[in-house]
Amino acid sequence: MERVAFLLEKTGERIPCLLNPASVVVRRLAGVQSRQSTSGPLTGAALKDDPLLYTGGGTTEILLDLLFDVTLAGSNLNTDDVRDLTRPLTVLAEGSEGDDGYGQVPLVRFVWGKAWNVLGVVAAVAERLEYFTANGAPQRSWLRMRFLRAGDSAAADTEPLGDDLQLEDLPEEIDIPTDELRFHQAQGAGEGAEDEDGGSAERLDEIAAAHYGNPAWWRLIAAFNKIDNPMDISAGDLLMIPPDSSVGEKA
């Protein structure tokens, strides 16, 4: 079974988890608030509920409980400190300097098999460490993560072609000379991942990240290869990879 992973939207880097979560909590908060007047909340003694104002938007959060343990039976991990495994995830909640010079948290995709592919940010992490060695190195970590869905609109202030290639951006016919084409043979997904037929294969967003530096460009590969279901890729499939100039200048 494919393990949970986080894909950095900017670089395509993949951060895998050691084990899948036992449960996932999805919580939705609608964009509403109590109506206000200049003197305070707009309400009345005869009302059972405060009048609400729909402000638009809202918040969707995903709560994950992840387990990391370097002492698991059959593990070939060569570290005694479980934080070597969890540090890449905790760093996602730390601010970094963006291209515009302002601090920001990185956009990442929460990916789990064919059922989960959510763009967002890691808003918070809490880590409980257990089973310490004589040198004080923890060997087990219970990591709780709060992941907020951001949606593709989070990159609306950048060139759309560079951050989220849409189907409508693609020309109806893509005619590319053979000598400009590249080819990619789909490899196994690794990490013990298996598809429904028992095989394992890469995802199109991983292939796009490798060739274009942006996983959002998977749509170009899908359209050029006439792939209706982007998850229907098998190990060994030969895909044609058109140059990004077939659509326009890459942002």
Protein backbone atom coordinates (compact mmCIF):
# COMPACT_ATOMS: atom_id res chain seq x y z
CA MET A 1 0.00 0.00 0.00
CA GLU A 2 1.34 3.43 -0.93
CA ARG A 3 2.43 5.53 1.99
CA VAL A 4 1.46 9.10 2.77
CA ALA A 5 3.85 11.63 1.30
CA PHE A 6 4.16 15.40 1.02
CA LEU A 7 5.27 16.98 -2.27
CA LEU A 8 6.78 20.45 -2.22
CA GLU A 9 4.91 22.36 -4.90
CA LYS A 10 7.86 24.59 -5.80
CA THR A 11 10.59 21.97 -6.12
CA GLY A 12 8.75 18.67 -6.50
CA GLU A 13 10.71 17.21 -3.55
CA ARG A 14 8.94 14.20 -2.01
CA ILE A 15 8.90 13.73 1.78
CA PRO A 16 7.58 10.25 2.64
CA CYS A 17 6.11 9.17 5.96
CA LEU A 18 7.28 6.01 7.69
CA LEU A 19 3.77 4.61 8.27
CA ASN A 20 0.28 5.55 7.16
CA PRO A 21 -2.00 7.23 9.74
CA ALA A 22 -4.55 5.04 11.46
CA SER A 23 -7.18 7.77 11.00
CA VAL A 24 -7.60 11.15 9.31
CA VAL A 25 -9.85 13.92 10.64
CA VAL A 26 -11.17 16.43 8.09
CA ARG A 27 -12.78 19.54 9.55
CA ARG A 28 -14.53 22.28 7.58
CA LEU A 29 -15.22 25.77 8.94
CA ALA A 30 -17.52 27.83 6.71
CA GLY A 31 -16.78 31.48 6.02
CA VAL A 32 -19.49 32.95 8.26
CA GLN A 33 -19.51 35.37 11.17
CA SER A 34 -22.08 37.04 13.37
CA ARG A 35 -23.54 40.23 11.94
CA GLN A 36 -22.12 43.34 13.52
CA SER A 37 -23.23 46.95 13.88
CA THR A 38 -21.24 49.98 14.98
CA SER A 39 -22.34 49.31 18.57
CA GLY A 40 -21.60 45.58 18.60
CA PRO A 41 -23.28 42.31 17.53
CA LEU A 42 -26.52 42.74 15.59
CA THR A 43 -29.03 40.59 17.44
CA GLY A 44 -32.23 40.77 19.46
CA ALA A 45 -33.91 39.30 22.54
CA ALA A 46 -36.45 37.39 20.46
CA LEU A 47 -33.85 35.61 18.38
CA LYS A 48 -32.67 32.11 19.25
CA ASP A 49 -29.51 32.45 17.11
CA ASP A 50 -27.37 35.42 16.13
CA PRO A 51 -27.90 36.55 12.52
CA LEU A 52 -25.06 35.29 10.38
CA LEU A 53 -23.18 36.92 7.54
CA TYR A 54 -21.60 34.76 4.86
CA THR A 55 -18.19 36.24 4.15
CA GLY A 56 -17.06 33.68 1.58
CA GLY A 57 -14.18 31.27 1.73
CA GLY A 58 -13.73 29.30 4.91
CA THR A 59 -11.17 26.82 6.18
CA THR A 60 -10.65 23.12 5.51
CA GLU A 61 -8.18 21.41 7.80
CA ILE A 62 -6.85 17.87 7.88
CA LEU A 63 -5.54 16.44 11.15
CA LEU A 64 -3.03 13.63 10.88
CA ASP A 65 -1.52 11.44 13.60
CA LEU A 66 1.69 9.88 12.31
CA LEU A 67 3.95 7.33 13.97
CA PHE A 68 7.72 7.11 13.44
CA ASP A 69 9.79 4.42 15.15
CA VAL A 70 13.37 3.52 14.22
CA THR A 71 13.17 0.23 16.17
CA LEU A 72 10.36 -1.34 14.11
CA ALA A 73 10.93 -5.01 13.27
CA GLY A 74 12.39 -5.46 9.81
CA SER A 75 13.41 -1.82 9.54
CA ASN A 76 16.66 -1.07 7.70
CA LEU A 77 16.94 2.47 9.06
CA ASN A 78 20.48 3.39 10.06
CA THR A 79 19.71 6.06 12.65
CA ASP A 80 19.06 5.99 16.38
CA ASP A 81 17.39 9.41 16.44
CA VAL A 82 13.84 9.39 15.12
CA ARG A 83 14.04 13.15 14.56
CA ASP A 84 16.15 12.45 11.49
CA LEU A 85 12.91 11.13 9.96
CA THR A 86 10.50 13.74 11.30
CA ARG A 87 12.62 16.87 10.83
CA PRO A 88 11.69 17.34 7.13
CA LEU A 89 8.02 17.45 8.17
CA THR A 90 8.45 19.78 11.13
CA VAL A 91 10.44 22.19 8.94
CA LEU A 92 7.34 22.58 6.72
CA ALA A 93 5.73 24.57 9.54
CA GLU A 94 8.66 26.99 9.73
CA GLY A 95 8.59 30.20 7.73
CA SER A 96 11.09 30.75 4.93
CA GLU A 97 11.90 33.66 2.67
CA GLY A 98 9.97 33.66 -0.59
CA ASP A 99 10.99 34.93 -4.00
CA ASP A 100 9.49 38.33 -3.18
CA GLY A 101 11.60 38.68 -0.03
CA TYR A 102 8.68 38.16 2.34
CA GLY A 103 8.35 35.24 4.73
CA GLN A 104 5.99 32.42 3.89
CA VAL A 105 5.31 28.75 4.56
CA PRO A 106 5.81 26.43 1.59
CA LEU A 107 2.90 25.08 -0.42
CA VAL A 108 2.88 21.28 -0.29
CA ARG A 109 0.63 18.51 -1.55
CA PHE A 110 -0.69 15.89 0.84
CA VAL A 111 -0.74 12.76 -1.32
CA TRP A 112 -1.91 9.28 -0.37
CA GLY A 113 -2.44 6.78 -3.17
CA LYS A 114 -5.22 7.64 -5.59
CA ALA A 115 -7.66 9.00 -3.00
CA TRP A 116 -5.84 12.02 -1.53
CA ASN A 117 -4.17 14.88 -3.41
CA VAL A 118 -4.64 18.13 -1.47
CA LEU A 119 -2.67 21.35 -1.87
CA GLY A 120 -2.10 23.32 1.32
CA VAL A 121 0.28 24.30 4.08
CA VAL A 122 1.43 22.67 7.29
CA ALA A 123 0.01 25.05 9.90
CA ALA A 124 1.15 23.25 13.05
CA VAL A 125 2.96 20.17 14.27
CA ALA A 126 3.23 18.66 17.73
CA GLU A 127 5.70 15.87 18.42
CA ARG A 128 5.81 13.55 21.42
CA LEU A 129 9.13 11.73 21.74
CA GLU A 130 9.61 8.38 23.52
CA TYR A 131 12.13 5.58 24.10
CA PHE A 132 15.36 7.47 24.58
CA THR A 133 18.80 5.92 24.20
CA ALA A 134 21.53 6.37 26.80
CA ASN A 135 22.71 9.37 24.77
CA GLY A 136 19.27 11.00 24.90
CA ALA A 137 18.27 10.23 21.30
CA PRO A 138 14.52 9.54 20.96
CA GLN A 139 13.61 6.42 18.99
CA ARG A 140 9.84 6.89 18.67
CA SER A 141 7.80 9.93 17.66
CA TRP A 142 4.06 10.51 17.73
CA LEU A 143 3.64 13.40 15.29
CA ARG A 144 0.35 15.31 15.09
CA MET A 145 0.01 17.59 12.07
CA ARG A 146 -2.56 20.28 11.26
CA PHE A 147 -2.74 20.70 7.48
CA LEU A 148 -4.76 23.59 6.00
CA ARG A 149 -6.05 23.33 2.46
CA ALA A 150 -4.91 26.31 0.43
CA GLY A 151 -6.24 25.54 -3.04
CA ASP A 152 -4.61 26.60 -6.29
CA SER A 153 -5.87 30.15 -5.65
CA ALA A 154 -3.02 30.54 -3.16
CA ALA A 155 -0.71 31.12 -6.12
CA ALA A 156 -3.01 33.53 -7.95
CA ASP A 157 -0.47 36.37 -7.80
CA THR A 158 1.98 34.43 -9.99
CA GLU A 159 1.87 33.49 -13.64
CA PRO A 160 -0.81 30.76 -13.93
CA LEU A 161 1.11 28.78 -16.51
CA GLY A 162 4.07 28.34 -14.18
CA ASP A 163 2.16 27.36 -11.05
CA ASP A 164 -0.99 25.57 -12.12
CA LEU A 165 -1.32 24.63 -15.79
CA GLN A 166 -5.03 24.31 -16.58
CA LEU A 167 -6.63 22.30 -19.37
CA GLU A 168 -7.93 25.48 -20.98
CA ASP A 169 -4.33 26.71 -21.28
CA LEU A 170 -3.52 23.86 -23.65
CA PRO A 171 -3.94 24.23 -27.42
CA GLU A 172 -6.45 21.91 -29.08
CA GLU A 173 -3.70 20.34 -31.18
CA ILE A 174 -0.12 19.99 -29.98
CA ASP A 175 2.16 19.45 -32.99
CA ILE A 176 5.78 18.95 -31.98
CA PRO A 177 8.69 17.79 -34.18
CA THR A 178 9.87 14.33 -33.22
CA ASP A 179 13.38 15.55 -32.47
CA GLU A 180 12.03 17.88 -29.76
CA LEU A 181 10.19 15.12 -27.92
CA ARG A 182 11.52 13.43 -24.82
CA PHE A 183 10.38 10.08 -23.54
CA HIS A 184 9.85 8.79 -20.03
CA GLN A 185 9.31 5.18 -19.04
CA ALA A 186 7.18 5.06 -15.90
CA GLN A 187 9.07 3.50 -13.04
CA GLY A 188 7.86 1.78 -9.91
CA ALA A 189 6.62 4.20 -7.26
CA GLY A 190 9.05 2.72 -4.74
CA GLU A 191 8.55 2.80 -1.00
CA GLY A 192 6.58 -0.47 -1.30
CA ALA A 193 3.76 1.26 -3.18
CA GLU A 194 1.43 -0.96 -5.17
CA ASP A 195 -1.45 -0.17 -7.46
CA GLU A 196 -4.74 -2.03 -7.56
CA ASP A 197 -3.33 -4.68 -9.92
CA GLY A 198 -0.39 -5.45 -7.65
CA GLY A 199 2.10 -3.39 -9.70
CA SER A 200 3.62 -0.08 -8.77
CA ALA A 201 3.98 3.07 -10.83
CA GLU A 202 4.90 6.72 -10.63
CA ARG A 203 2.24 9.41 -10.63
CA LEU A 204 2.03 12.03 -13.38
CA ASP A 205 2.71 14.85 -10.92
CA GLU A 206 6.00 13.17 -9.95
CA ILE A 207 6.97 12.83 -13.62
CA ALA A 208 6.06 16.48 -14.29
CA ALA A 209 8.16 17.60 -11.33
CA ALA A 210 11.15 15.66 -12.68
CA HIS A 211 10.92 17.09 -16.22
CA TYR A 212 9.46 20.58 -15.69
CA GLY A 213 10.32 21.31 -12.07
CA ASN A 214 6.61 21.75 -11.23
CA PRO A 215 4.18 18.90 -10.41
CA ALA A 216 1.22 21.06 -11.55
CA TRP A 217 2.34 20.56 -15.18
CA TRP A 218 1.09 16.96 -15.18
CA ARG A 219 -1.86 18.13 -17.29
CA LEU A 220 0.41 18.81 -20.28
CA ILE A 221 1.75 15.24 -20.18
CA ALA A 222 -1.77 13.84 -19.75
CA ALA A 223 -3.18 15.87 -22.65
CA PHE A 224 -0.31 15.04 -25.01
CA ASN A 225 -0.54 11.31 -24.25
CA LYS A 226 -4.37 11.36 -24.30
CA ILE A 227 -4.59 10.08 -20.73
CA ASP A 228 -8.10 10.52 -19.32
CA ASN A 229 -7.30 9.18 -15.86
CA PRO A 230 -4.01 10.60 -14.52
CA MET A 231 -3.85 7.83 -11.91
CA ASP A 232 -4.08 5.10 -14.57
CA ILE A 233 -0.34 4.75 -15.16
CA SER A 234 1.45 1.42 -15.00
CA ALA A 235 5.12 0.73 -14.44
CA GLY A 236 6.80 0.36 -17.84
CA ASP A 237 4.44 2.69 -19.73
CA LEU A 238 6.35 4.89 -22.22
CA LEU A 239 5.19 8.50 -22.10
CA MET A 240 6.01 11.31 -24.52
CA ILE A 241 7.22 14.46 -22.76
CA PRO A 242 6.67 17.61 -24.85
CA PRO A 243 8.80 20.72 -24.24
CA ASP A 244 7.17 23.46 -22.19
CA SER A 245 7.52 25.76 -25.20
CA SER A 246 4.57 23.88 -26.72
CA VAL A 247 2.33 25.94 -24.44
CA GLY A 248 4.29 29.11 -23.78
CA GLU A 249 7.18 30.47 -21.83
CA LYS A 250 7.54 28.87 -18.44
CA ALA A 251 7.12 31.34 -15.60
